[in-house]
Amino acid sequence: MRMSVAATLLLVLGLPSFSPAFAGAEAEKGALPTAAPVEEVFREWISVFNSGDKAGIKAFYGRYLDDPEPTFAIDQAEDTCGFDVVRMEPATRTPLAMSVLLAERCFPALHRLTIKFAVAGDTVPKEFKLKSFALSPQSAIDAMVATADRLAARQKFAGALLVANGNGEVWSEGWGTLNKTEKALITADTPMFLASAGKMFTAVAVLQLVAQGKVDLDAPFGRYLTDYPNKDMATATIRQLLQHRGGTDDIGILARDEGPNRARVRTIDDIIQLNGARAPLFPPGSKFDYSNYGFLLLGAVVERVSGQTYYDYVKRHIFEPAGMTNAGFPDLEHLEGVATGYTTFFGEEPELISHRDVLPWRGTPAGGGVASANDMLGFFRALSAGKMLPPGLLELATTPGDPSWYGLGFVTVRGDSSYWGHGGDSYGMNVAASYYPESGTIFLCLATRDSACGRLHSRWHHRTYGLTK
């Protein structure tokens, strides 16, 4: 007799089989025993989750979890195709709590949903956790690929995915073509726009100069840019700029409606002239506010201290040592071989449009350079091996600060499966780039569409580092 997918998964994971309370036809339909408040919440959730109705999911998460924009849950409903009930876990069941084992409908994977209320009469649970069970490394990749295939079929993803294990094994695959007219397939060697993932290059460049004693992390950037127009802004320190705590605000050339500013600037100095007169948004160091302009200023510091252009410095001290042969900062007249991004401007347009008309003249220290997935693999390997920074400085850069998910130019996530790196997101470009220091695993997604990589990274991450029992 053929085993069901759910039964097979239970066997593979070594979990107990179906609870007697769920035996028979009612269990196969996903029915639950006599309703209690916690079960009513579960019934409401699984009904709306399995429907895939975005408005319904928003209403549920807004009412019960104080999350009116549950993007992750909406994506998860689509990526899993909903859930079937495998069994309730009797040992956890009380009038105020329950755990349910669930099987994905799109892919053979299990999840556990735990719901707990604090006291009788509460209408909002104190705990609502949906966690994935870990899969084998290849099955985690297969789950991600299945999602990528579905997104690509709807023109929501094109790009490259790469997973490198600490033992040196590398898996990669590409989706889509270089552009709509050139049918060359995207591969792990295709250069694509990095958006803010390029901030890692600026952070490394600055920290290299710190290691050489040429830059002081706690000195104001005005020590190096002595002619900076606004003296209050120039009091922000190098450390504060790396932490996005300088009050420096945005760069003024990246938004769709900033075309006139884009037309005015071609160099780092041009961008400083555009922004240099304004005062800081808040006293430097007093709070976090993600700032592209702060990293533009860091690039200017690299130029002033090194005596090289920012682009030459990064090429010589980062791209070349890491073997990043397809990486660079091409201007708009030299984009041959670079994959074109296509955007709906985050839902503002009904159809995909080339992003070329909204690109700045050239990438900057805040992002906008290009690299391939294999280039970024080389970057993470060289950086983690100590070829670019002393270990102590890399540790400092990837240690959480305030907020707890950001260090010095690196996004940092600590927990059972810690990682660091940096993403990027702009019109027709999206990046997820993460290094897992405990295993040496590297995850990379470079896309030529809006906002696909975070979703694919999540799909892979939660099935690689999920529950084991």
Protein backbone atom coordinates (compact mmCIF):
# COMPACT_ATOMS: atom_id res chain seq x y z
CA MET A 1 0.00 0.00 0.00
CA ARG A 2 1.37 3.46 -0.94
CA MET A 3 2.02 5.72 2.01
CA SER A 4 0.65 9.26 1.98
CA VAL A 5 3.08 12.18 1.73
CA ALA A 6 2.30 13.13 5.33
CA ALA A 7 2.88 9.58 6.60
CA THR A 8 6.15 9.33 4.67
CA LEU A 9 7.36 12.60 6.18
CA LEU A 10 6.52 11.41 9.67
CA LEU A 11 8.54 8.26 9.07
CA VAL A 12 11.55 10.13 7.64
CA LEU A 13 11.57 12.62 10.51
CA GLY A 14 11.09 9.93 13.14
CA LEU A 15 7.92 11.53 14.49
CA PRO A 16 5.00 9.61 16.00
CA SER A 17 2.23 8.69 13.60
CA PHE A 18 -1.33 10.03 13.57
CA SER A 19 -3.08 10.66 16.87
CA PRO A 20 -6.16 8.46 17.46
CA ALA A 21 -8.17 11.67 17.84
CA PHE A 22 -7.56 12.27 14.18
CA ALA A 23 -8.21 8.80 12.86
CA GLY A 24 -10.66 8.21 10.04
CA ALA A 25 -12.26 10.34 7.39
CA GLU A 26 -12.62 13.44 9.57
CA ALA A 27 -8.86 13.52 10.12
CA GLU A 28 -8.24 13.27 6.39
CA LYS A 29 -10.45 16.33 5.90
CA GLY A 30 -8.45 18.23 8.48
CA ALA A 31 -11.31 18.37 11.01
CA LEU A 32 -10.64 19.00 14.69
CA PRO A 33 -12.34 17.64 17.81
CA THR A 34 -14.88 19.66 19.77
CA ALA A 35 -14.20 23.36 19.47
CA ALA A 36 -12.54 25.40 22.20
CA PRO A 37 -11.40 29.04 21.87
CA VAL A 38 -7.87 28.05 20.86
CA GLU A 39 -9.26 25.65 18.28
CA GLU A 40 -11.60 28.30 16.92
CA VAL A 41 -8.60 30.53 16.27
CA PHE A 42 -6.89 27.65 14.51
CA ARG A 43 -9.94 26.92 12.37
CA GLU A 44 -10.19 30.57 11.37
CA TRP A 45 -6.48 30.74 10.54
CA ILE A 46 -6.24 27.58 8.44
CA SER A 47 -9.41 28.48 6.54
CA VAL A 48 -8.16 31.91 5.55
CA PHE A 49 -4.55 30.74 5.03
CA ASN A 50 -5.61 27.92 2.72
CA SER A 51 -7.88 30.26 0.79
CA GLY A 52 -4.88 32.39 -0.16
CA ASP A 53 -7.11 35.46 0.13
CA LYS A 54 -4.78 38.39 0.88
CA ALA A 55 -7.49 40.53 2.45
CA GLY A 56 -8.55 37.69 4.71
CA ILE A 57 -4.99 36.92 5.78
CA LYS A 58 -4.41 40.61 6.54
CA ALA A 59 -7.60 40.76 8.58
CA PHE A 60 -6.65 37.67 10.63
CA TYR A 61 -3.08 38.81 11.34
CA GLY A 62 -4.22 42.33 12.09
CA ARG A 63 -6.86 41.13 14.56
CA TYR A 64 -4.94 38.41 16.38
CA LEU A 65 -1.25 39.29 15.92
CA ASP A 66 -1.23 43.09 15.56
CA ASP A 67 0.29 42.71 12.09
CA PRO A 68 -1.92 44.40 9.46
CA GLU A 69 0.65 43.91 6.68
CA PRO A 70 1.74 40.25 7.04
CA THR A 71 3.79 40.02 3.86
CA PHE A 72 5.62 36.90 5.02
CA ALA A 73 2.37 35.06 5.78
CA ILE A 74 0.83 36.05 2.43
CA ASP A 75 3.92 34.82 0.59
CA GLN A 76 4.00 31.64 2.67
CA ALA A 77 0.36 30.86 1.85
CA GLU A 78 1.21 31.09 -1.83
CA ASP A 79 4.52 29.23 -1.59
CA THR A 80 3.08 26.28 0.36
CA CYS A 81 -0.29 26.17 -1.47
CA GLY A 82 -1.80 25.86 2.00
CA PHE A 83 -1.65 23.08 4.57
CA ASP A 84 -3.33 19.79 5.36
CA VAL A 85 -3.67 18.73 8.99
CA VAL A 86 -1.47 15.72 9.77
CA ARG A 87 -2.31 15.41 13.46
CA MET A 88 -2.77 17.33 16.65
CA GLU A 89 -0.05 16.75 19.23
CA PRO A 90 -2.01 15.53 22.30
CA ALA A 91 0.72 16.22 24.85
CA THR A 92 0.45 19.94 24.18
CA ARG A 93 -3.33 20.20 24.21
CA THR A 94 -5.08 22.18 26.94
CA PRO A 95 -8.10 24.50 26.85
CA LEU A 96 -5.62 27.33 26.27
CA ALA A 97 -2.99 25.73 24.05
CA MET A 98 -2.50 23.41 21.13
CA SER A 99 0.12 22.32 18.61
CA VAL A 100 -0.79 20.96 15.20
CA LEU A 101 1.41 19.18 12.71
CA LEU A 102 0.77 20.40 9.16
CA ALA A 103 1.87 19.21 5.72
CA GLU A 104 2.45 21.56 2.80
CA ARG A 105 0.29 21.00 -0.24
CA CYS A 106 2.93 22.15 -2.77
CA PHE A 107 5.98 20.31 -1.46
CA PRO A 108 6.62 17.36 0.90
CA ALA A 109 7.49 19.34 4.02
CA LEU A 110 6.09 19.55 7.55
CA HIS A 111 5.39 22.50 9.86
CA ARG A 112 4.26 22.84 13.45
CA LEU A 113 1.78 25.50 14.49
CA THR A 114 1.62 26.34 18.20
CA ILE A 115 -1.11 28.57 19.63
CA LYS A 116 -1.30 29.57 23.31
CA PHE A 117 -3.55 31.88 25.28
CA ALA A 118 -2.41 33.38 28.58
CA VAL A 119 -5.66 33.07 30.53
CA ALA A 120 -9.23 31.99 29.89
CA GLY A 121 -11.29 34.71 28.30
CA ASP A 122 -8.44 36.23 26.29
CA THR A 123 -9.32 36.83 22.66
CA VAL A 124 -5.76 37.34 21.43
CA PRO A 125 -3.16 34.54 21.76
CA LYS A 126 0.06 35.28 23.61
CA GLU A 127 1.87 32.89 21.26
CA PHE A 128 1.24 32.03 17.63
CA LYS A 129 4.23 30.30 16.04
CA LEU A 130 4.42 28.49 12.73
CA LYS A 131 7.76 26.74 12.33
CA SER A 132 9.14 24.56 9.54
CA PHE A 133 10.80 21.20 10.04
CA ALA A 134 14.32 20.94 8.67
CA LEU A 135 14.84 19.10 5.40
CA SER A 136 17.97 17.59 3.92
CA PRO A 137 20.25 20.15 2.21
CA GLN A 138 19.11 19.08 -1.25
CA SER A 139 15.43 18.99 -0.29
CA ALA A 140 15.71 22.53 1.11
CA ILE A 141 17.12 23.63 -2.24
CA ASP A 142 14.38 21.71 -4.08
CA ALA A 143 11.70 23.50 -2.03
CA MET A 144 13.25 26.85 -2.95
CA VAL A 145 13.54 25.89 -6.62
CA ALA A 146 9.88 24.89 -6.72
CA THR A 147 8.96 28.36 -5.44
CA ALA A 148 11.37 30.03 -7.88
CA ASP A 149 9.81 28.10 -10.76
CA ARG A 150 6.32 29.25 -9.81
CA LEU A 151 7.45 32.86 -9.41
CA ALA A 152 9.28 32.75 -12.74
CA ALA A 153 6.20 31.40 -14.49
CA ARG A 154 4.38 34.54 -13.35
CA GLN A 155 7.28 36.83 -14.33
CA LYS A 156 7.97 37.60 -10.68
CA PHE A 157 11.48 36.15 -10.68
CA ALA A 158 14.46 36.00 -13.00
CA GLY A 159 18.03 35.75 -11.81
CA ALA A 160 20.45 33.34 -10.18
CA LEU A 161 20.44 31.30 -6.98
CA LEU A 162 23.56 29.83 -5.37
CA VAL A 163 24.14 27.79 -2.23
CA ALA A 164 27.69 26.90 -1.23
CA ASN A 165 28.26 24.48 1.64
CA GLY A 166 31.16 24.83 3.99
CA ASN A 167 32.75 21.72 2.48
CA GLY A 168 33.21 23.48 -0.86
CA GLU A 169 30.21 22.02 -2.70
CA VAL A 170 28.38 24.64 -4.76
CA TRP A 171 24.90 24.43 -6.25
CA SER A 172 23.62 27.13 -8.58
CA GLU A 173 20.87 27.66 -11.12
CA GLY A 174 19.63 30.52 -13.30
CA TRP A 175 16.22 31.66 -14.47
CA GLY A 176 15.38 33.98 -17.35
CA THR A 177 17.44 35.75 -19.99
CA LEU A 178 19.81 38.69 -20.16
CA ASN A 179 17.02 40.91 -21.45
CA LYS A 180 13.92 40.72 -23.63
CA THR A 181 15.84 40.83 -26.91
CA GLU A 182 19.03 38.91 -26.11
CA LYS A 183 18.13 35.32 -25.28
CA ALA A 184 21.38 34.46 -23.49
CA LEU A 185 20.39 32.63 -20.30
CA ILE A 186 21.16 34.06 -16.88
CA THR A 187 23.72 31.94 -15.02
CA ALA A 188 25.81 32.23 -11.87
CA ASP A 189 28.36 34.17 -13.98
CA THR A 190 25.91 36.82 -15.24
CA PRO A 191 26.55 40.28 -13.76
CA MET A 192 23.43 41.79 -12.21
CA PHE A 193 22.74 44.97 -10.28
CA LEU A 194 23.40 44.68 -6.55
CA ALA A 195 21.50 47.69 -5.16
CA SER A 196 22.37 48.14 -1.47
CA ALA A 197 24.27 44.85 -1.22
CA GLY A 198 27.17 46.96 -2.51
CA LYS A 199 27.28 48.72 0.87
CA MET A 200 29.36 45.77 2.05
CA PHE A 201 32.16 46.84 -0.32
CA THR A 202 32.16 50.35 1.14
CA ALA A 203 32.17 49.01 4.69
CA VAL A 204 35.12 46.73 3.92
CA ALA A 205 37.01 49.56 2.21
CA VAL A 206 36.58 51.86 5.22
CA LEU A 207 37.52 49.13 7.69
CA GLN A 208 40.65 48.32 5.69
CA LEU A 209 41.72 51.93 6.17
CA VAL A 210 40.84 51.65 9.86
CA ALA A 211 43.07 48.57 10.10
CA GLN A 212 45.90 50.57 8.53
CA GLY A 213 45.47 53.37 11.09
CA LYS A 214 44.44 55.86 8.40
CA VAL A 215 40.83 56.25 9.54
CA ASP A 216 39.49 56.50 13.09
CA LEU A 217 36.06 54.94 13.56
CA ASP A 218 35.09 57.54 16.14
CA ALA A 219 36.38 60.58 14.29
CA PRO A 220 33.87 62.88 12.57
CA PHE A 221 33.87 62.42 8.83
CA GLY A 222 34.61 66.15 8.61
CA ARG A 223 38.17 65.33 9.72
CA TYR A 224 38.67 63.76 6.30
CA LEU A 225 36.26 65.82 4.20
CA THR A 226 37.55 69.13 5.55
CA ASP A 227 35.66 71.21 3.00
CA TYR A 228 32.27 69.63 3.64
CA PRO A 229 29.63 72.41 3.40
CA ASN A 230 27.38 71.75 6.42
CA LYS A 231 29.49 71.66 9.58
CA ASP A 232 26.73 70.18 11.74
CA MET A 233 26.40 67.22 9.37
CA ALA A 234 30.18 66.84 9.33
CA THR A 235 30.17 65.99 13.05
CA ALA A 236 28.74 62.52 12.33
CA THR A 237 31.43 59.93 12.99
CA ILE A 238 32.63 57.20 10.67
CA ARG A 239 31.13 54.61 13.02
CA GLN A 240 27.76 56.41 13.01
CA LEU A 241 27.72 56.49 9.20
CA LEU A 242 28.44 52.76 9.09
CA GLN A 243 25.61 52.20 11.59
CA HIS A 244 23.11 54.46 9.76
CA ARG A 245 23.01 56.68 12.81
CA GLY A 246 24.37 59.87 11.28
CA GLY A 247 21.10 61.60 10.40
CA THR A 248 22.33 61.91 6.82
CA ASP A 249 19.07 60.96 5.05
CA ASP A 250 18.79 59.76 1.44
CA ILE A 251 20.84 60.44 -1.64
CA GLY A 252 18.26 62.27 -3.77
CA ILE A 253 18.70 60.38 -7.05
CA LEU A 254 17.21 56.91 -6.61
CA ALA A 255 13.45 57.40 -6.52
CA ARG A 256 11.37 57.24 -9.69
CA ASP A 257 10.43 60.93 -9.43
CA GLU A 258 14.02 62.15 -8.92
CA GLY A 259 14.89 62.19 -12.61
CA PRO A 260 15.99 65.86 -12.66
CA ASN A 261 18.50 65.17 -9.88
CA ARG A 262 19.77 62.05 -11.65
CA ALA A 263 20.40 64.11 -14.78
CA ARG A 264 22.54 66.57 -12.80
CA VAL A 265 25.02 64.13 -11.26
CA ARG A 266 27.66 61.75 -12.53
CA THR A 267 30.27 61.65 -9.77
CA ILE A 268 30.46 61.29 -6.01
CA ASP A 269 31.39 64.97 -5.75
CA ASP A 270 28.32 65.90 -7.81
CA ILE A 271 26.10 64.05 -5.33
CA ILE A 272 27.74 65.80 -2.39
CA GLN A 273 27.10 69.17 -4.07
CA LEU A 274 23.45 68.15 -4.44
CA ASN A 275 23.08 67.27 -0.75
CA GLY A 276 25.93 68.94 1.13
CA ALA A 277 24.20 72.10 2.34
CA ARG A 278 21.49 70.44 4.38
CA ALA A 279 21.64 69.88 8.12
CA PRO A 280 21.31 66.42 9.73
CA LEU A 281 17.81 65.07 10.30
CA PHE A 282 18.62 64.53 13.98
CA PRO A 283 21.67 64.83 16.24
CA PRO A 284 24.17 62.29 14.89
CA GLY A 285 24.20 59.11 16.94
CA SER A 286 20.81 59.66 18.54
CA LYS A 287 18.86 57.11 16.48
CA PHE A 288 18.90 54.72 13.53
CA ASP A 289 17.70 55.86 10.10
CA TYR A 290 18.79 53.86 7.06
CA SER A 291 20.78 56.26 4.88
CA ASN A 292 22.20 55.90 1.40
CA TYR A 293 23.83 59.30 1.68
CA GLY A 294 25.81 58.23 4.72
CA PHE A 295 27.48 55.53 2.64
CA LEU A 296 28.08 57.99 -0.19
CA LEU A 297 30.03 60.08 2.34
CA LEU A 298 32.00 57.01 3.43
CA GLY A 299 33.00 56.46 -0.19
CA ALA A 300 34.20 60.06 -0.36
CA VAL A 301 36.29 59.42 2.76
CA VAL A 302 37.85 56.38 1.06
CA GLU A 303 38.80 58.59 -1.89
CA ARG A 304 40.27 61.37 0.25
CA VAL A 305 42.28 59.06 2.50
CA SER A 306 43.51 56.56 -0.12
CA GLY A 307 44.22 59.04 -2.89
CA GLN A 308 42.37 56.79 -5.34
CA THR A 309 38.92 57.03 -6.80
CA TYR A 310 36.41 54.94 -4.89
CA TYR A 311 35.97 52.72 -7.94
CA ASP A 312 39.70 52.10 -8.38
CA TYR A 313 40.11 51.39 -4.68
CA VAL A 314 37.33 48.81 -4.58
CA LYS A 315 38.57 47.15 -7.76
CA ARG A 316 42.12 46.82 -6.47
CA HIS A 317 41.47 45.98 -2.81
CA ILE A 318 38.21 44.01 -2.97
CA PHE A 319 37.25 42.78 -6.43
CA GLU A 320 40.70 41.61 -7.53
CA PRO A 321 41.72 39.81 -4.29
CA ALA A 322 38.35 38.02 -4.27
CA GLY A 323 38.56 37.01 -7.94
CA MET A 324 35.40 38.99 -8.78
CA THR A 325 36.01 39.11 -12.53
CA ASN A 326 32.51 40.25 -13.53
CA ALA A 327 32.10 42.87 -10.79
CA GLY A 328 32.29 46.60 -11.38
CA PHE A 329 30.56 49.96 -11.60
CA PRO A 330 29.75 50.42 -15.29
CA ASP A 331 28.09 53.65 -16.39
CA LEU A 332 24.92 53.76 -18.46
CA GLU A 333 26.89 53.67 -21.72
CA HIS A 334 28.76 50.49 -20.81
CA LEU A 335 26.17 47.95 -19.66
CA GLU A 336 26.94 45.28 -22.24
CA GLY A 337 26.57 41.83 -20.69
CA VAL A 338 24.76 43.16 -17.60
CA ALA A 339 21.29 41.68 -17.13
CA THR A 340 18.50 44.21 -17.52
CA GLY A 341 16.10 44.57 -14.63
CA TYR A 342 12.35 44.73 -15.15
CA THR A 343 10.06 46.40 -12.65
CA THR A 344 6.45 47.21 -11.89
CA PHE A 345 7.77 49.98 -9.62
CA PHE A 346 6.57 47.91 -6.66
CA GLY A 347 3.07 47.55 -7.99
CA GLU A 348 2.58 51.02 -9.47
CA GLU A 349 2.48 49.65 -13.03
CA PRO A 350 0.49 46.71 -14.42
CA GLU A 351 3.30 45.46 -16.67
CA LEU A 352 7.04 44.95 -16.32
CA ILE A 353 9.13 47.89 -17.55
CA SER A 354 12.89 48.07 -18.08
CA HIS A 355 14.63 49.90 -15.25
CA ARG A 356 17.28 51.47 -17.46
CA ASP A 357 15.51 54.86 -17.56
CA VAL A 358 15.59 55.22 -13.75
CA LEU A 359 19.19 54.10 -13.17
CA PRO A 360 21.72 56.70 -12.00
CA TRP A 361 24.62 57.37 -14.34
CA ARG A 362 26.82 55.07 -12.29
CA GLY A 363 26.65 53.05 -9.11
CA THR A 364 27.88 54.68 -5.90
CA PRO A 365 29.33 53.71 -2.52
CA ALA A 366 25.70 53.32 -1.39
CA GLY A 367 25.13 50.57 -3.97
CA GLY A 368 24.33 50.15 -7.62
CA GLY A 369 27.39 48.25 -8.78
CA VAL A 370 27.13 44.92 -10.56
CA ALA A 371 28.44 41.42 -9.85
CA SER A 372 27.56 37.82 -10.55
CA ALA A 373 26.55 35.20 -8.03
CA ASN A 374 29.96 33.59 -8.41
CA ASP A 375 31.61 36.97 -7.81
CA MET A 376 29.70 37.33 -4.56
CA LEU A 377 30.68 33.79 -3.60
CA GLY A 378 34.31 34.83 -4.00
CA PHE A 379 33.69 37.96 -1.92
CA PHE A 380 32.24 36.04 1.02
CA ARG A 381 34.92 33.37 0.87
CA ALA A 382 37.75 35.90 0.81
CA LEU A 383 36.19 38.01 3.56
CA SER A 384 35.46 35.09 5.88
CA ALA A 385 38.95 33.68 5.31
CA GLY A 386 40.57 36.88 6.59
CA LYS A 387 41.94 37.97 3.19
CA MET A 388 40.34 41.42 3.35
CA LEU A 389 39.99 42.32 7.02
CA PRO A 390 41.61 41.27 10.28
CA PRO A 391 39.29 38.83 12.09
CA GLY A 392 38.67 41.26 14.93
CA LEU A 393 37.41 43.99 12.61
CA LEU A 394 35.18 41.57 10.71
CA GLU A 395 33.76 40.41 14.04
CA LEU A 396 33.11 44.02 15.02
CA ALA A 397 31.41 44.76 11.71
CA THR A 398 29.11 41.75 11.97
CA THR A 399 28.21 42.14 15.65
CA PRO A 400 24.67 43.45 16.21
CA GLY A 401 24.36 46.98 17.48
CA ASP A 402 21.31 49.21 17.74
CA PRO A 403 19.08 48.07 16.11
CA SER A 404 19.91 44.45 16.87
CA TRP A 405 19.93 43.43 13.21
CA TYR A 406 22.66 45.80 11.98
CA GLY A 407 26.39 46.07 12.65
CA LEU A 408 28.86 48.25 10.75
CA GLY A 409 27.70 48.05 7.15
CA PHE A 410 26.39 44.50 7.55
CA VAL A 411 22.97 43.08 8.35
CA THR A 412 23.46 40.68 11.27
CA VAL A 413 21.05 38.00 12.46
CA ARG A 414 21.88 36.14 15.67
CA GLY A 415 20.15 33.03 16.97
CA ASP A 416 20.11 29.29 16.35
CA SER A 417 21.17 29.91 12.75
CA SER A 418 23.17 33.14 12.79
CA TYR A 419 24.21 34.82 9.58
CA TRP A 420 25.45 38.13 8.25
CA GLY A 421 25.53 39.86 4.88
CA HIS A 422 23.42 42.49 3.15
CA GLY A 423 20.43 42.62 0.84
CA GLY A 424 19.52 45.04 -1.88
CA ASP A 425 16.20 46.20 -3.28
CA SER A 426 15.39 48.74 -5.95
CA TYR A 427 13.52 48.95 -9.24
CA GLY A 428 14.13 45.72 -11.15
CA MET A 429 16.89 44.52 -8.84
CA ASN A 430 16.81 42.46 -5.67
CA VAL A 431 19.57 40.70 -3.72
CA ALA A 432 19.84 38.40 -0.71
CA ALA A 433 23.43 37.64 0.29
CA SER A 434 24.17 35.80 3.53
CA TYR A 435 27.07 34.02 5.18
CA TYR A 436 26.47 31.46 7.97
CA PRO A 437 29.67 31.43 10.05
CA GLU A 438 28.95 28.26 12.05
CA SER A 439 28.68 26.07 8.94
CA GLY A 440 30.50 28.22 6.39
CA THR A 441 27.39 28.09 4.18
CA ILE A 442 26.81 30.93 1.72
CA PHE A 443 23.40 31.79 0.28
CA LEU A 444 23.06 34.09 -2.73
CA CYS A 445 20.12 35.31 -4.75
CA LEU A 446 20.50 37.98 -7.44
CA ALA A 447 17.31 38.91 -9.25
CA THR A 448 16.24 41.16 -12.11
CA ARG A 449 12.76 41.62 -10.68
CA ASP A 450 11.30 43.44 -7.68
CA SER A 451 11.44 41.79 -4.24
CA ALA A 452 11.84 38.08 -5.01
CA CYS A 453 15.10 37.20 -3.23
CA GLY A 454 14.03 37.72 0.36
CA ARG A 455 11.16 35.34 -0.24
CA LEU A 456 13.42 32.68 -1.75
CA HIS A 457 16.00 33.08 1.00
CA SER A 458 13.27 32.56 3.58
CA ARG A 459 12.03 29.47 1.77
CA TRP A 460 15.51 27.95 1.85
CA HIS A 461 16.57 29.18 5.29
CA HIS A 462 13.57 27.87 7.23
CA ARG A 463 13.85 24.45 5.62
CA THR A 464 17.59 24.25 6.23
CA TYR A 465 17.59 25.45 9.83
CA GLY A 466 14.13 24.32 10.92
CA LEU A 467 12.82 22.07 13.66
CA THR A 468 14.36 18.63 14.10
CA LYS A 469 11.87 17.14 16.54
